[in-house]
Amino acid sequence: MEALRRGIRSGRTSGEDVAAWLTALDSYRIMPINLFPCAGSATWLLSEQLNISAYDAGYVAVAKARGLELFTNDAVIRRRAPKAGVQVKP
């Protein structure tokens, strides 16, 4: 995901290409362990909405999808995650 975000920002790929990749990723539905599915498009959208890395957005997406608080000392996530409705605790 982060590679797609960097590709968009650097002009090496287009929004259409990203949409195609996200569609492909979402279609796999591979779940080797029982997790609440929130990868793919949800992570991408949070990453873009909050202007955080896709890696960090994955944690925010899980907390949001499960209605959980997010525990982190990362200052950027502590400021931005509440904009997505996720409570953050230090």
Protein backbone atom coordinates (compact mmCIF):
# COMPACT_ATOMS: atom_id res chain seq x y z
CA MET A 1 0.00 0.00 0.00
CA GLU A 2 2.75 2.43 0.91
CA ALA A 3 4.38 1.76 -2.45
CA LEU A 4 1.11 2.73 -4.16
CA ARG A 5 0.89 5.95 -2.13
CA ARG A 6 4.48 6.85 -2.99
CA GLY A 7 3.86 6.02 -6.64
CA ILE A 8 0.91 8.43 -6.75
CA ARG A 9 2.83 11.21 -5.03
CA SER A 10 5.87 10.83 -7.29
CA GLY A 11 3.76 10.59 -10.46
CA ARG A 12 5.02 7.07 -11.29
CA THR A 13 1.49 5.63 -11.26
CA SER A 14 -2.06 6.81 -11.74
CA GLY A 15 -5.22 6.68 -9.67
CA GLU A 16 -6.64 4.20 -12.16
CA ASP A 17 -3.69 1.84 -11.61
CA VAL A 18 -4.09 2.13 -7.84
CA ALA A 19 -7.80 1.37 -8.11
CA ALA A 20 -7.00 -1.73 -10.17
CA TRP A 21 -4.46 -2.95 -7.61
CA LEU A 22 -6.83 -2.33 -4.70
CA THR A 23 -9.60 -4.22 -6.49
CA ALA A 24 -7.22 -7.12 -7.04
CA LEU A 25 -6.07 -7.09 -3.40
CA ASP A 26 -9.62 -6.95 -2.08
CA SER A 27 -10.68 -9.84 -4.33
CA TYR A 28 -8.24 -12.33 -2.78
CA ARG A 29 -9.88 -12.41 0.65
CA ILE A 30 -7.00 -14.52 1.94
CA MET A 31 -7.29 -14.89 5.70
CA PRO A 32 -4.80 -17.39 7.13
CA ILE A 33 -5.95 -16.45 10.63
CA ASN A 34 -9.33 -15.26 11.76
CA LEU A 35 -9.12 -11.47 11.61
CA PHE A 36 -11.70 -8.79 11.01
CA PRO A 37 -11.18 -7.86 7.33
CA CYS A 38 -10.26 -4.22 7.05
CA ALA A 39 -7.31 -4.16 4.68
CA GLY A 40 -7.31 -2.95 1.13
CA SER A 41 -9.52 -0.01 0.34
CA ALA A 42 -10.29 0.90 3.96
CA THR A 43 -6.60 1.20 4.77
CA TRP A 44 -5.95 3.16 1.59
CA LEU A 45 -8.75 5.61 2.31
CA LEU A 46 -7.61 6.20 5.90
CA SER A 47 -4.05 6.62 4.70
CA GLU A 48 -5.14 9.31 2.28
CA GLN A 49 -7.68 10.93 4.62
CA LEU A 50 -5.24 11.24 7.51
CA ASN A 51 -2.08 11.68 5.42
CA ILE A 52 -0.29 8.87 7.23
CA SER A 53 1.60 5.86 5.92
CA ALA A 54 -0.37 2.85 4.78
CA TYR A 55 1.44 0.90 7.50
CA ASP A 56 0.11 3.24 10.21
CA ALA A 57 -3.31 3.39 8.56
CA GLY A 58 -3.57 -0.39 8.94
CA TYR A 59 -3.49 -0.02 12.72
CA VAL A 60 -6.02 2.80 12.62
CA ALA A 61 -8.26 0.72 10.32
CA VAL A 62 -8.25 -2.23 12.72
CA ALA A 63 -9.05 -0.01 15.71
CA LYS A 64 -11.82 1.74 13.79
CA ALA A 65 -13.36 -1.48 12.42
CA ARG A 66 -13.39 -3.13 15.84
CA GLY A 67 -14.38 -0.03 17.81
CA LEU A 68 -11.20 -0.18 19.85
CA GLU A 69 -8.95 2.48 21.33
CA LEU A 70 -5.50 2.71 19.78
CA PHE A 71 -2.52 2.79 22.14
CA THR A 72 0.50 4.59 20.68
CA ASN A 73 3.14 7.16 21.48
CA ASP A 74 3.40 8.21 17.83
CA ALA A 75 2.61 11.94 17.87
CA VAL A 76 1.29 12.02 14.30
CA ILE A 77 -1.12 9.14 14.84
CA ARG A 78 -2.21 10.61 18.19
CA ARG A 79 -3.19 13.85 16.41
CA ARG A 80 -4.73 12.38 13.28
CA ALA A 81 -6.51 9.14 14.26
CA PRO A 82 -9.28 10.99 16.15
CA LYS A 83 -10.22 12.63 12.82
CA ALA A 84 -11.26 9.13 11.72
CA GLY A 85 -13.21 8.53 14.90
CA VAL A 86 -10.52 6.48 16.65
CA GLN A 87 -9.70 7.28 20.27
CA VAL A 88 -5.99 7.26 21.01
CA LYS A 89 -4.35 6.57 24.36
CA PRO A 90 -0.65 7.03 25.21
